[in-house]
Amino acid sequence: MHFAKYHGLGNDFVFVDASQETLADVSRAARILCDRRCGVGADGLVLLRPQADGVHMRIINSDGTEAEMCGNASRCVPLFAREKGWMSGDSLTLQTLAGPIKTRVQDRARGLVSVNMGRPRLLRGQIPVAGPAEEQAVNMTLFAAGQNWTGTAVSMGNPHFVIFVPDLAQVNLPHTGPLLEAHPAFPKKTNVEFVQVLDRNTLRMRVWERGAGITQACGTGACATAVAAQLTGRSDAEVQVILDGGALQIAWQPGQEVYMTGPAAKVFEGEFTADL
């Protein structure tokens, strides 16, 4: 099987042309390919197929579960699509479980890509999170890891729980992340972001991703963080979100789409031989 590996700020993916390759069990294939010792090594497997209206993108987490959407992978797809001859110009629409996502290559030399991530979903029934379906989940408190955590739930096509903390260095992410991910308040589990506000235009974020664990970056998480920061009066409309792997620029006006801009890069390509 031929594959290509891409990353966005260290959030890495195995890309496969699904129009040429057939995987009998995508969940099992993702676990094998994403293994960092015995496989290619990645946070997720991305299956891509050209269509008349763009490219169909399917995302399988490293644990074999399927994700609705991935912001960092979305920035990488136009680079892959250009190499495959699937796009002309600088714009490409991705068809995902979260709906159509519009991307645009801003700077080819630097691999800088902007993505219209769509409108955030703010109601509990949309995210989903426990509670009255038509209410927002702003400053909700959950108990996990022996203490109460106050955060804001947002969906960017996939669920996020954003927690603002005074000192990010004091958060035990490997311990607390999985407990909040699987908290009963989230029927489909959730991604978890811990965020320290540096100023009204700069946010420092670390993430525990649903189905992948600690990753270097999370594009949808950065978008959810920017939205949550505005909803709670902590930031302005345009912010820089600094992740372990680098920074993303996020812009959002209430009632409008979220725009994310950041780098993407190809790492390598090759052949993988296994019973997939």
Foldseek 3Di string as FASTA:
>chain_A
DWWFWKWFLQQIEIEDACVPDDAPQQLVVLLQQCDPPRHVHHQWYWYWYADPQFIEIWIAGNNSHTAQDFDTVVLAVVVVCVVVVRDDAFWGWYQTNLGIKIKGQPDPVQSKIKIFLFAKDFACLVLPFDDDRRDGQAQPWDDDPHGIFTFGWIHSSHIETEGEDQDPVPDPQQRGQVRQQPPPRDPNGHKYKYWYQPAQAEIEIWIQGVRRGGGQDTRRHVQVNLVNCVVVVNHDQWHWYAGNSGIWIWGDDPPTTIMIMGHMGIDGMDDDDDND
